[in-house]
Amino acid sequence: MSKTLLLAILASVVALIAAPDAQSEESKPAMTTEAKALLKPERSGLLPIDGLNYYFAIYGKGEPLLLLHGGLGSTDMFAPILPKFAEHRTVIAVDLQGHGRTALGERAFGLEAMGNDMAAIVKALGYDKVDVMGYSLGGGVALRMAVQHPEAVRRLVMMSTGYAADGFYDEMRPQQAQVSAAAAPFMKDTPMYKSYVAVAPKPEDFPKLLDALGNFMRNDYDFSADVPKLKMPVMLVYGDSDMYKPEHEVKFFQLLGGGLKDAGWMRENLSQNRLAILPNRTHYDVFLAPELAATTLPFLDGQTKVKTWDEMVSE
């Protein structure tokens, strides 16, 4: 298998991590001194949860928000946007199993188990209920946490997340099936590898992580029966050029009870759930979008009031 094909395969299934030091100067968001200060955690460490030692970092003050990163990433991938959330929230960022500062361990890699782990982490940190926001792989973990532990989740945001394996574009599934440790030697110069070895407790586990991700993605899954069970408010966020089929994104929203009828003149039929499509964004950069905070924070804060046409005319 050629290096080009291997990297194309990986690009189709994981977020190409654009760590701050790997971005071009033009693409780096401007960061103030205050914002940089918010990137220093108030508290961080390791938590022993079901045979793993999960790394967590807590930023800012306010209502708690559990923030979960994408595949082959870590909490660091949110650095460009984390300060905006930390201005308003206590952000609890966690490195998922085998990612960042959390070692892979010997336990099987799966969404259901990590969903249980997140609920245990929240409880261990002293929180009864949190808002949860997950991207890609982290969105899948967030979904399972909300399904399996609804009492721990107040509001849920899933970015670039599907509810079933058939939501990907058809040509991607065979590519996903080929992900394995064989790709590791070709990735030494990529930001995914560089960011991993910079913080991983066992850098030599990178090939094992690729095998774990490959095995995970070769399994079909379909959580459509669980989606309607979610009673907390849910927001779905995608790039307009995401890796999921648009019809899958709409179906996800409909399974949540949204997009089934007109909202009505007085918003009397408006669903509690939301669907956001960010323009000029793909799966691989939607988590860096500056507009992400402005899109999700009002939802997380429970703000639903908007001015009606009558009110604007009256003013």
C-alpha atoms as a PDB file:
ATOM      1  CA  MET A   1       0.000   0.000   0.000  1.00  0.00           C
ATOM      2  CA  SER A   2       1.400   3.405  -0.961  1.00  0.00           C
ATOM      3  CA  LYS A   3       2.020   6.246   1.453  1.00  0.00           C
ATOM      4  CA  THR A   4      -0.411   8.433  -0.492  1.00  0.00           C
ATOM      5  CA  LEU A   5      -3.214   5.897  -0.198  1.00  0.00           C
ATOM      6  CA  LEU A   6      -2.593   5.326   3.494  1.00  0.00           C
ATOM      7  CA  LEU A   7      -2.760   9.023   4.268  1.00  0.00           C
ATOM      8  CA  ALA A   8      -5.880   9.391   2.132  1.00  0.00           C
ATOM      9  CA  ILE A   9      -7.504   6.592   4.095  1.00  0.00           C
ATOM     10  CA  LEU A  10      -6.625   8.193   7.407  1.00  0.00           C
ATOM     11  CA  ALA A  11      -7.815  11.574   6.196  1.00  0.00           C
ATOM     12  CA  SER A  12     -11.187  10.072   5.431  1.00  0.00           C
ATOM     13  CA  VAL A  13     -11.818   8.690   8.900  1.00  0.00           C
ATOM     14  CA  VAL A  14     -10.168  10.897  11.488  1.00  0.00           C
ATOM     15  CA  ALA A  15      -9.830  14.585  12.104  1.00  0.00           C
ATOM     16  CA  LEU A  16      -6.556  15.806  10.636  1.00  0.00           C
ATOM     17  CA  ILE A  17      -5.327  17.458  13.767  1.00  0.00           C
ATOM     18  CA  ALA A  18      -4.215  21.011  13.108  1.00  0.00           C
ATOM     19  CA  ALA A  19      -2.379  21.633  16.347  1.00  0.00           C
ATOM     20  CA  PRO A  20      -1.621  25.333  16.869  1.00  0.00           C
ATOM     21  CA  ASP A  21       2.056  24.932  16.007  1.00  0.00           C
ATOM     22  CA  ALA A  22       1.185  22.985  12.850  1.00  0.00           C
ATOM     23  CA  GLN A  23      -1.102  25.626  11.353  1.00  0.00           C
ATOM     24  CA  SER A  24      -0.001  28.255   8.878  1.00  0.00           C
ATOM     25  CA  GLU A  25       0.399  31.772  10.201  1.00  0.00           C
ATOM     26  CA  GLU A  26      -2.538  32.878   8.060  1.00  0.00           C
ATOM     27  CA  SER A  27      -4.884  30.286   9.562  1.00  0.00           C
ATOM     28  CA  LYS A  28      -3.940  30.840  13.210  1.00  0.00           C
ATOM     29  CA  PRO A  29      -6.701  32.672  15.075  1.00  0.00           C
ATOM     30  CA  ALA A  30      -5.451  35.808  16.837  1.00  0.00           C
ATOM     31  CA  MET A  31      -5.169  35.147  20.573  1.00  0.00           C
ATOM     32  CA  THR A  32      -5.098  37.850  23.229  1.00  0.00           C
ATOM     33  CA  THR A  33      -3.095  37.695  26.452  1.00  0.00           C
ATOM     34  CA  GLU A  34      -6.336  37.040  28.320  1.00  0.00           C
ATOM     35  CA  ALA A  35      -7.201  34.164  26.000  1.00  0.00           C
ATOM     36  CA  LYS A  36      -3.763  32.618  26.425  1.00  0.00           C
ATOM     37  CA  ALA A  37      -4.219  32.811  30.197  1.00  0.00           C
ATOM     38  CA  LEU A  38      -7.454  30.847  29.878  1.00  0.00           C
ATOM     39  CA  LEU A  39      -5.501  28.003  28.252  1.00  0.00           C
ATOM     40  CA  LYS A  40      -3.784  27.329  31.571  1.00  0.00           C
ATOM     41  CA  PRO A  41      -5.913  24.796  33.430  1.00  0.00           C
ATOM     42  CA  GLU A  42      -7.213  25.595  36.881  1.00  0.00           C
ATOM     43  CA  ARG A  43      -6.734  21.932  37.681  1.00  0.00           C
ATOM     44  CA  SER A  44      -5.509  18.845  35.850  1.00  0.00           C
ATOM     45  CA  GLY A  45      -4.416  15.301  36.536  1.00  0.00           C
ATOM     46  CA  LEU A  46      -5.168  11.627  36.029  1.00  0.00           C
ATOM     47  CA  LEU A  47      -8.254   9.728  37.173  1.00  0.00           C
ATOM     48  CA  PRO A  48      -8.271   5.901  37.482  1.00  0.00           C
ATOM     49  CA  ILE A  49     -11.456   4.752  35.756  1.00  0.00           C
ATOM     50  CA  ASP A  50     -12.174   1.098  34.898  1.00  0.00           C
ATOM     51  CA  GLY A  51      -8.563   0.099  34.287  1.00  0.00           C
ATOM     52  CA  LEU A  52      -7.515   3.337  32.542  1.00  0.00           C
ATOM     53  CA  ASN A  53      -5.904   6.529  33.782  1.00  0.00           C
ATOM     54  CA  TYR A  54      -7.820   9.354  32.135  1.00  0.00           C
ATOM     55  CA  TYR A  55      -6.207  12.755  31.786  1.00  0.00           C
ATOM     56  CA  PHE A  56      -8.482  15.704  32.522  1.00  0.00           C
ATOM     57  CA  ALA A  57      -7.976  19.470  32.608  1.00  0.00           C
ATOM     58  CA  ILE A  58     -10.391  22.064  33.966  1.00  0.00           C
ATOM     59  CA  TYR A  59     -10.519  25.621  32.630  1.00  0.00           C
ATOM     60  CA  GLY A  60     -12.539  28.726  33.441  1.00  0.00           C
ATOM     61  CA  LYS A  61     -15.520  29.263  35.711  1.00  0.00           C
ATOM     62  CA  GLY A  62     -19.253  28.835  35.338  1.00  0.00           C
ATOM     63  CA  GLU A  63     -21.630  25.999  34.528  1.00  0.00           C
ATOM     64  CA  PRO A  64     -19.722  22.758  33.789  1.00  0.00           C
ATOM     65  CA  LEU A  65     -19.153  21.710  30.164  1.00  0.00           C
ATOM     66  CA  LEU A  66     -17.515  18.361  29.366  1.00  0.00           C
ATOM     67  CA  LEU A  67     -15.534  18.765  26.122  1.00  0.00           C
ATOM     68  CA  LEU A  68     -14.512  15.682  24.108  1.00  0.00           C
ATOM     69  CA  HIS A  69     -12.078  15.718  21.179  1.00  0.00           C
ATOM     70  CA  GLY A  70     -11.919  13.778  17.900  1.00  0.00           C
ATOM     71  CA  GLY A  71      -9.974  10.720  16.767  1.00  0.00           C
ATOM     72  CA  LEU A  72      -6.159  10.948  16.873  1.00  0.00           C
ATOM     73  CA  GLY A  73      -6.544  14.245  18.711  1.00  0.00           C
ATOM     74  CA  SER A  74      -6.486  15.403  22.305  1.00  0.00           C
ATOM     75  CA  THR A  75      -7.793  18.237  24.421  1.00  0.00           C
ATOM     76  CA  ASP A  76      -5.080  20.384  22.789  1.00  0.00           C
ATOM     77  CA  MET A  77      -6.920  20.443  19.458  1.00  0.00           C
ATOM     78  CA  PHE A  78      -9.466  22.845  20.969  1.00  0.00           C
ATOM     79  CA  ALA A  79      -6.813  25.423  21.927  1.00  0.00           C
ATOM     80  CA  PRO A  80      -7.951  28.033  19.368  1.00  0.00           C
ATOM     81  CA  ILE A  81     -11.567  28.034  20.587  1.00  0.00           C
ATOM     82  CA  LEU A  82     -11.288  26.869  24.204  1.00  0.00           C
ATOM     83  CA  PRO A  83     -10.731  30.388  25.657  1.00  0.00           C
ATOM     84  CA  LYS A  84     -14.103  31.577  24.351  1.00  0.00           C
ATOM     85  CA  PHE A  85     -15.863  28.688  26.114  1.00  0.00           C
ATOM     86  CA  ALA A  86     -13.766  29.130  29.269  1.00  0.00           C
ATOM     87  CA  GLU A  87     -14.914  32.755  29.471  1.00  0.00           C
ATOM     88  CA  HIS A  88     -18.441  31.474  30.134  1.00  0.00           C
ATOM     89  CA  ARG A  89     -18.053  27.909  31.393  1.00  0.00           C
ATOM     90  CA  THR A  90     -16.082  25.562  33.585  1.00  0.00           C
ATOM     91  CA  VAL A  91     -14.659  23.456  30.776  1.00  0.00           C
ATOM     92  CA  ILE A  92     -13.777  19.867  31.684  1.00  0.00           C
ATOM     93  CA  ALA A  93     -11.572  18.595  28.858  1.00  0.00           C
ATOM     94  CA  VAL A  94     -10.749  14.879  28.790  1.00  0.00           C
ATOM     95  CA  ASP A  95      -8.256  12.930  26.676  1.00  0.00           C
ATOM     96  CA  LEU A  96     -10.110   9.836  25.477  1.00  0.00           C
ATOM     97  CA  GLN A  97      -8.735   6.295  25.723  1.00  0.00           C
ATOM     98  CA  GLY A  98      -5.409   5.984  23.917  1.00  0.00           C
ATOM     99  CA  HIS A  99      -5.345   9.688  23.023  1.00  0.00           C
ATOM    100  CA  GLY A 100      -3.253  12.556  24.306  1.00  0.00           C
ATOM    101  CA  ARG A 101      -2.117  11.942  27.869  1.00  0.00           C
ATOM    102  CA  THR A 102      -4.429   8.950  28.418  1.00  0.00           C
ATOM    103  CA  ALA A 103      -2.736   5.635  27.733  1.00  0.00           C
ATOM    104  CA  LEU A 104      -4.443   3.044  25.530  1.00  0.00           C
ATOM    105  CA  GLY A 105      -4.254   0.283  28.101  1.00  0.00           C
ATOM    106  CA  GLU A 106      -5.364  -3.275  27.457  1.00  0.00           C
ATOM    107  CA  ARG A 107      -9.116  -2.727  27.566  1.00  0.00           C
ATOM    108  CA  ALA A 108     -11.204  -2.978  24.387  1.00  0.00           C
ATOM    109  CA  PHE A 109     -11.760   0.321  22.568  1.00  0.00           C
ATOM    110  CA  GLY A 110     -15.445   1.202  22.180  1.00  0.00           C
ATOM    111  CA  LEU A 111     -17.975   4.024  22.450  1.00  0.00           C
ATOM    112  CA  GLU A 112     -20.186   2.347  25.032  1.00  0.00           C
ATOM    113  CA  ALA A 113     -17.345   1.765  27.488  1.00  0.00           C
ATOM    114  CA  MET A 114     -16.000   5.290  27.069  1.00  0.00           C
ATOM    115  CA  GLY A 115     -19.514   6.666  27.527  1.00  0.00           C
ATOM    116  CA  ASN A 116     -19.622   4.922  30.908  1.00  0.00           C
ATOM    117  CA  ASP A 117     -16.150   6.262  31.681  1.00  0.00           C
ATOM    118  CA  MET A 118     -17.199   9.866  31.046  1.00  0.00           C
ATOM    119  CA  ALA A 119     -20.093   9.559  33.474  1.00  0.00           C
ATOM    120  CA  ALA A 120     -17.696   8.128  36.061  1.00  0.00           C
ATOM    121  CA  ILE A 121     -15.237  10.984  35.483  1.00  0.00           C
ATOM    122  CA  VAL A 122     -17.959  13.594  35.952  1.00  0.00           C
ATOM    123  CA  LYS A 123     -18.984  11.964  39.226  1.00  0.00           C
ATOM    124  CA  ALA A 124     -15.379  11.609  40.415  1.00  0.00           C
ATOM    125  CA  LEU A 125     -14.834  15.322  39.821  1.00  0.00           C
ATOM    126  CA  GLY A 126     -17.824  16.152  41.996  1.00  0.00           C
ATOM    127  CA  TYR A 127     -20.458  17.058  39.399  1.00  0.00           C
ATOM    128  CA  ASP A 128     -23.980  15.644  39.381  1.00  0.00           C
ATOM    129  CA  LYS A 129     -24.920  16.913  35.917  1.00  0.00           C
ATOM    130  CA  VAL A 130     -22.973  18.599  33.120  1.00  0.00           C
ATOM    131  CA  ASP A 131     -23.467  19.833  29.594  1.00  0.00           C
ATOM    132  CA  VAL A 132     -21.552  17.716  27.093  1.00  0.00           C
ATOM    133  CA  MET A 133     -20.002  18.727  23.780  1.00  0.00           C
ATOM    134  CA  GLY A 134     -18.194  16.160  21.631  1.00  0.00           C
ATOM    135  CA  TYR A 135     -16.589  16.261  18.214  1.00  0.00           C
ATOM    136  CA  SER A 136     -16.410  13.273  15.825  1.00  0.00           C
ATOM    137  CA  LEU A 137     -15.198  10.329  17.956  1.00  0.00           C
ATOM    138  CA  GLY A 138     -15.898  12.488  21.008  1.00  0.00           C
ATOM    139  CA  GLY A 139     -19.409  13.087  19.717  1.00  0.00           C
ATOM    140  CA  GLY A 140     -19.984   9.336  19.576  1.00  0.00           C
ATOM    141  CA  VAL A 141     -18.750   8.995  23.161  1.00  0.00           C
ATOM    142  CA  ALA A 142     -21.010  11.894  24.175  1.00  0.00           C
ATOM    143  CA  LEU A 143     -23.985  10.177  22.521  1.00  0.00           C
ATOM    144  CA  ARG A 144     -23.372   6.950  24.410  1.00  0.00           C
ATOM    145  CA  MET A 145     -22.885   8.828  27.684  1.00  0.00           C
ATOM    146  CA  ALA A 146     -26.238  10.592  27.187  1.00  0.00           C
ATOM    147  CA  VAL A 147     -28.023   7.339  26.287  1.00  0.00           C
ATOM    148  CA  GLN A 148     -26.488   5.279  29.072  1.00  0.00           C
ATOM    149  CA  HIS A 149     -26.370   7.982  31.763  1.00  0.00           C
ATOM    150  CA  PRO A 150     -29.073  10.549  30.951  1.00  0.00           C
ATOM    151  CA  GLU A 151     -29.182  11.688  34.564  1.00  0.00           C
ATOM    152  CA  ALA A 152     -25.648  13.086  34.160  1.00  0.00           C
ATOM    153  CA  VAL A 153     -26.269  15.130  30.985  1.00  0.00           C
ATOM    154  CA  ARG A 154     -28.167  18.414  30.991  1.00  0.00           C
ATOM    155  CA  ARG A 155     -27.628  19.484  27.368  1.00  0.00           C
ATOM    156  CA  LEU A 156     -25.804  17.715  24.564  1.00  0.00           C
ATOM    157  CA  VAL A 157     -23.927  19.078  21.543  1.00  0.00           C
ATOM    158  CA  MET A 158     -22.572  16.664  18.928  1.00  0.00           C
ATOM    159  CA  MET A 159     -20.286  18.023  16.215  1.00  0.00           C
ATOM    160  CA  SER A 160     -19.669  16.061  13.023  1.00  0.00           C
ATOM    161  CA  THR A 161     -21.214  12.957  14.550  1.00  0.00           C
ATOM    162  CA  GLY A 162     -23.377  10.245  13.015  1.00  0.00           C
ATOM    163  CA  TYR A 163     -25.797   7.820  14.616  1.00  0.00           C
ATOM    164  CA  ALA A 164     -24.965   4.904  12.267  1.00  0.00           C
ATOM    165  CA  ALA A 165     -22.074   3.680  10.152  1.00  0.00           C
ATOM    166  CA  ASP A 166     -24.048   4.074   6.935  1.00  0.00           C
ATOM    167  CA  GLY A 167     -24.051   7.834   7.448  1.00  0.00           C
ATOM    168  CA  PHE A 168     -20.588   8.105   5.903  1.00  0.00           C
ATOM    169  CA  TYR A 169     -20.226   8.565   2.184  1.00  0.00           C
ATOM    170  CA  ASP A 170     -20.191   5.116   0.608  1.00  0.00           C
ATOM    171  CA  GLU A 171     -16.624   5.279  -0.694  1.00  0.00           C
ATOM    172  CA  MET A 172     -15.276   5.895   2.803  1.00  0.00           C
ATOM    173  CA  ARG A 173     -16.308   2.597   4.363  1.00  0.00           C
ATOM    174  CA  PRO A 174     -13.788   0.437   2.442  1.00  0.00           C
ATOM    175  CA  GLN A 175     -11.105   2.969   3.269  1.00  0.00           C
ATOM    176  CA  GLN A 176     -11.977   2.849   6.951  1.00  0.00           C
ATOM    177  CA  ALA A 177     -11.616  -0.925   6.904  1.00  0.00           C
ATOM    178  CA  GLN A 178      -7.946  -0.591   5.908  1.00  0.00           C
ATOM    179  CA  VAL A 179      -6.785   1.537   8.847  1.00  0.00           C
ATOM    180  CA  SER A 180      -4.174  -0.348  10.882  1.00  0.00           C
ATOM    181  CA  ALA A 181      -0.711  -0.162  12.409  1.00  0.00           C
ATOM    182  CA  ALA A 182       0.691  -0.489   8.866  1.00  0.00           C
ATOM    183  CA  ALA A 183       0.087   3.239   8.443  1.00  0.00           C
ATOM    184  CA  ALA A 184       2.304   4.228  11.390  1.00  0.00           C
ATOM    185  CA  PRO A 185       5.676   4.394   9.555  1.00  0.00           C
ATOM    186  CA  PHE A 186       4.194   6.755   6.979  1.00  0.00           C
ATOM    187  CA  MET A 187       2.831   9.179   9.555  1.00  0.00           C
ATOM    188  CA  LYS A 188       6.032  10.302  11.280  1.00  0.00           C
ATOM    189  CA  ASP A 189       5.849  13.746   9.653  1.00  0.00           C
ATOM    190  CA  THR A 190       2.134  14.347  10.221  1.00  0.00           C
ATOM    191  CA  PRO A 191       0.644  16.596  12.930  1.00  0.00           C
ATOM    192  CA  MET A 192      -1.344  13.607  14.217  1.00  0.00           C
ATOM    193  CA  TYR A 193       1.836  11.693  15.066  1.00  0.00           C
ATOM    194  CA  LYS A 194       3.789  14.723  16.286  1.00  0.00           C
ATOM    195  CA  SER A 195       1.037  15.847  18.637  1.00  0.00           C
ATOM    196  CA  TYR A 196       0.655  12.274  19.937  1.00  0.00           C
ATOM    197  CA  VAL A 197       4.295  11.619  20.793  1.00  0.00           C
ATOM    198  CA  ALA A 198       4.624  15.078  22.368  1.00  0.00           C
ATOM    199  CA  VAL A 199       2.322  14.148  25.272  1.00  0.00           C
ATOM    200  CA  ALA A 200       1.510  10.406  25.193  1.00  0.00           C
ATOM    201  CA  PRO A 201       2.608   8.448  28.288  1.00  0.00           C
ATOM    202  CA  LYS A 202       3.662   5.607  25.935  1.00  0.00           C
ATOM    203  CA  PRO A 203       4.573   7.084  22.517  1.00  0.00           C
ATOM    204  CA  GLU A 204       5.431   3.605  21.250  1.00  0.00           C
ATOM    205  CA  ASP A 205       1.704   2.726  21.410  1.00  0.00           C
ATOM    206  CA  PHE A 206       0.865   4.798  18.317  1.00  0.00           C
ATOM    207  CA  PRO A 207       0.663   1.733  16.000  1.00  0.00           C
ATOM    208  CA  LYS A 208      -1.530  -0.019  18.583  1.00  0.00           C
ATOM    209  CA  LEU A 209      -3.845   3.000  18.614  1.00  0.00           C
ATOM    210  CA  LEU A 210      -4.187   2.820  14.827  1.00  0.00           C
ATOM    211  CA  ASP A 211      -5.051  -0.871  15.117  1.00  0.00           C
ATOM    212  CA  ALA A 212      -7.628  -0.085  17.815  1.00  0.00           C
ATOM    213  CA  LEU A 213      -9.216   2.632  15.671  1.00  0.00           C
ATOM    214  CA  GLY A 214      -9.221   0.353  12.636  1.00  0.00           C
ATOM    215  CA  ASN A 215     -10.899  -2.471  14.529  1.00  0.00           C
ATOM    216  CA  PHE A 216     -13.421  -0.002  15.929  1.00  0.00           C
ATOM    217  CA  MET A 217     -14.285   1.410  12.498  1.00  0.00           C
ATOM    218  CA  ARG A 218     -14.640  -1.992  10.870  1.00  0.00           C
ATOM    219  CA  ASN A 219     -17.619  -2.686  13.111  1.00  0.00           C
ATOM    220  CA  ASP A 220     -21.034  -1.603  11.877  1.00  0.00           C
ATOM    221  CA  TYR A 221     -23.138   0.312  14.365  1.00  0.00           C
ATOM    222  CA  ASP A 222     -26.623   1.780  14.358  1.00  0.00           C
ATOM    223  CA  PHE A 223     -27.892   3.761  17.337  1.00  0.00           C
ATOM    224  CA  SER A 224     -31.096   4.931  15.631  1.00  0.00           C
ATOM    225  CA  ALA A 225     -33.244   3.130  18.213  1.00  0.00           C
ATOM    226  CA  ASP A 226     -31.487   4.998  21.030  1.00  0.00           C
ATOM    227  CA  VAL A 227     -31.647   8.509  19.562  1.00  0.00           C
ATOM    228  CA  PRO A 228     -35.369   9.128  20.270  1.00  0.00           C
ATOM    229  CA  LYS A 229     -34.757   8.137  23.892  1.00  0.00           C
ATOM    230  CA  LEU A 230     -32.706  11.307  24.438  1.00  0.00           C
ATOM    231  CA  LYS A 231     -34.903  13.645  26.458  1.00  0.00           C
ATOM    232  CA  MET A 232     -32.369  16.392  27.131  1.00  0.00           C
ATOM    233  CA  PRO A 233     -32.027  19.229  24.569  1.00  0.00           C
ATOM    234  CA  VAL A 234     -29.637  18.204  21.766  1.00  0.00           C
ATOM    235  CA  MET A 235     -27.807  20.260  19.144  1.00  0.00           C
ATOM    236  CA  LEU A 236     -26.201  18.754  16.040  1.00  0.00           C
ATOM    237  CA  VAL A 237     -23.436  20.740  14.338  1.00  0.00           C
ATOM    238  CA  TYR A 238     -21.902  19.939  10.943  1.00  0.00           C
ATOM    239  CA  GLY A 239     -19.784  21.586   8.313  1.00  0.00           C
ATOM    240  CA  ASP A 240     -21.602  22.077   5.026  1.00  0.00           C
ATOM    241  CA  SER A 241     -18.964  19.796   3.462  1.00  0.00           C
ATOM    242  CA  ASP A 242     -18.758  17.237   6.257  1.00  0.00           C
ATOM    243  CA  MET A 243     -17.904  13.528   5.937  1.00  0.00           C
ATOM    244  CA  TYR A 244     -21.536  12.588   6.632  1.00  0.00           C
ATOM    245  CA  LYS A 245     -24.216  12.534   3.962  1.00  0.00           C
ATOM    246  CA  PRO A 246     -26.585  15.514   4.317  1.00  0.00           C
ATOM    247  CA  GLU A 247     -29.554  13.153   4.378  1.00  0.00           C
ATOM    248  CA  HIS A 248     -27.999  11.363   7.373  1.00  0.00           C
ATOM    249  CA  GLU A 249     -27.614  14.651   9.219  1.00  0.00           C
ATOM    250  CA  VAL A 250     -31.270  15.540   8.542  1.00  0.00           C
ATOM    251  CA  LYS A 251     -32.437  12.065   9.559  1.00  0.00           C
ATOM    252  CA  PHE A 252     -30.505  12.401  12.829  1.00  0.00           C
ATOM    253  CA  PHE A 253     -32.344  15.667  13.499  1.00  0.00           C
ATOM    254  CA  GLN A 254     -35.672  14.063  12.658  1.00  0.00           C
ATOM    255  CA  LEU A 255     -35.006  11.118  14.968  1.00  0.00           C
ATOM    256  CA  LEU A 256     -34.620  13.740  17.696  1.00  0.00           C
ATOM    257  CA  GLY A 257     -38.034  15.158  16.815  1.00  0.00           C
ATOM    258  CA  GLY A 258     -36.828  18.141  14.833  1.00  0.00           C
ATOM    259  CA  GLY A 259     -37.552  19.032  11.229  1.00  0.00           C
ATOM    260  CA  LEU A 260     -40.866  17.185  11.156  1.00  0.00           C
ATOM    261  CA  LYS A 261     -43.220  20.151  10.733  1.00  0.00           C
ATOM    262  CA  ASP A 262     -43.298  23.916  10.427  1.00  0.00           C
ATOM    263  CA  ALA A 263     -42.447  25.616  13.733  1.00  0.00           C
ATOM    264  CA  GLY A 264     -45.553  27.795  13.567  1.00  0.00           C
ATOM    265  CA  TRP A 265     -46.117  31.559  13.635  1.00  0.00           C
ATOM    266  CA  MET A 266     -45.629  31.690  17.414  1.00  0.00           C
ATOM    267  CA  ARG A 267     -42.976  28.911  17.406  1.00  0.00           C
ATOM    268  CA  GLU A 268     -45.575  26.648  19.015  1.00  0.00           C
ATOM    269  CA  ASN A 269     -44.269  23.572  17.183  1.00  0.00           C
ATOM    270  CA  LEU A 270     -40.580  24.360  17.650  1.00  0.00           C
ATOM    271  CA  SER A 271     -38.508  21.382  18.750  1.00  0.00           C
ATOM    272  CA  GLN A 272     -36.231  21.760  21.763  1.00  0.00           C
ATOM    273  CA  ASN A 273     -33.439  20.372  19.590  1.00  0.00           C
ATOM    274  CA  ARG A 274     -31.299  22.229  17.053  1.00  0.00           C
ATOM    275  CA  LEU A 275     -29.454  21.589  13.800  1.00  0.00           C
ATOM    276  CA  ALA A 276     -26.589  23.882  12.745  1.00  0.00           C
ATOM    277  CA  ILE A 277     -24.742  23.738   9.416  1.00  0.00           C
ATOM    278  CA  LEU A 278     -21.609  25.903   9.356  1.00  0.00           C
ATOM    279  CA  PRO A 279     -20.714  27.200   5.892  1.00  0.00           C
ATOM    280  CA  ASN A 280     -17.294  26.688   4.337  1.00  0.00           C
ATOM    281  CA  ARG A 281     -16.403  23.999   6.867  1.00  0.00           C
ATOM    282  CA  THR A 282     -15.416  20.351   6.522  1.00  0.00           C
ATOM    283  CA  HIS A 283     -15.114  17.517   9.025  1.00  0.00           C
ATOM    284  CA  TYR A 284     -11.424  18.326   9.386  1.00  0.00           C
ATOM    285  CA  ASP A 285     -11.728  21.968  10.413  1.00  0.00           C
ATOM    286  CA  VAL A 286     -15.220  22.506  11.846  1.00  0.00           C
ATOM    287  CA  PHE A 287     -13.844  22.170  15.385  1.00  0.00           C
ATOM    288  CA  LEU A 288     -11.662  25.238  14.725  1.00  0.00           C
ATOM    289  CA  ALA A 289     -14.492  27.452  13.452  1.00  0.00           C
ATOM    290  CA  PRO A 290     -14.534  30.807  15.277  1.00  0.00           C
ATOM    291  CA  GLU A 291     -18.337  30.856  14.945  1.00  0.00           C
ATOM    292  CA  LEU A 292     -18.640  27.597  16.901  1.00  0.00           C
ATOM    293  CA  ALA A 293     -18.902  29.335  20.273  1.00  0.00           C
ATOM    294  CA  ALA A 294     -21.507  31.812  19.037  1.00  0.00           C
ATOM    295  CA  THR A 295     -23.508  28.912  17.598  1.00  0.00           C
ATOM    296  CA  THR A 296     -23.435  26.578  20.597  1.00  0.00           C
ATOM    297  CA  LEU A 297     -23.207  28.759  23.724  1.00  0.00           C
ATOM    298  CA  PRO A 298     -26.733  30.229  23.462  1.00  0.00           C
ATOM    299  CA  PHE A 299     -28.080  26.675  23.132  1.00  0.00           C
ATOM    300  CA  LEU A 300     -25.991  25.449  26.055  1.00  0.00           C
ATOM    301  CA  ASP A 301     -27.248  28.402  28.112  1.00  0.00           C
ATOM    302  CA  GLY A 302     -30.854  27.554  27.295  1.00  0.00           C
ATOM    303  CA  GLN A 303     -31.477  30.764  25.365  1.00  0.00           C
ATOM    304  CA  THR A 304     -34.453  30.235  23.074  1.00  0.00           C
ATOM    305  CA  LYS A 305     -36.034  33.705  22.990  1.00  0.00           C
ATOM    306  CA  VAL A 306     -35.733  35.579  19.698  1.00  0.00           C
ATOM    307  CA  LYS A 307     -37.444  38.742  18.515  1.00  0.00           C
ATOM    308  CA  THR A 308     -40.571  38.153  16.480  1.00  0.00           C
ATOM    309  CA  TRP A 309     -41.506  40.122  13.382  1.00  0.00           C
ATOM    310  CA  ASP A 310     -44.234  41.832  15.425  1.00  0.00           C
ATOM    311  CA  GLU A 311     -41.703  42.950  18.046  1.00  0.00           C
ATOM    312  CA  MET A 312     -39.279  44.296  15.447  1.00  0.00           C
ATOM    313  CA  VAL A 313     -42.037  46.260  13.689  1.00  0.00           C
ATOM    314  CA  SER A 314     -43.228  47.644  17.032  1.00  0.00           C
ATOM    315  CA  GLU A 315     -39.747  48.872  17.837  1.00  0.00           C
END
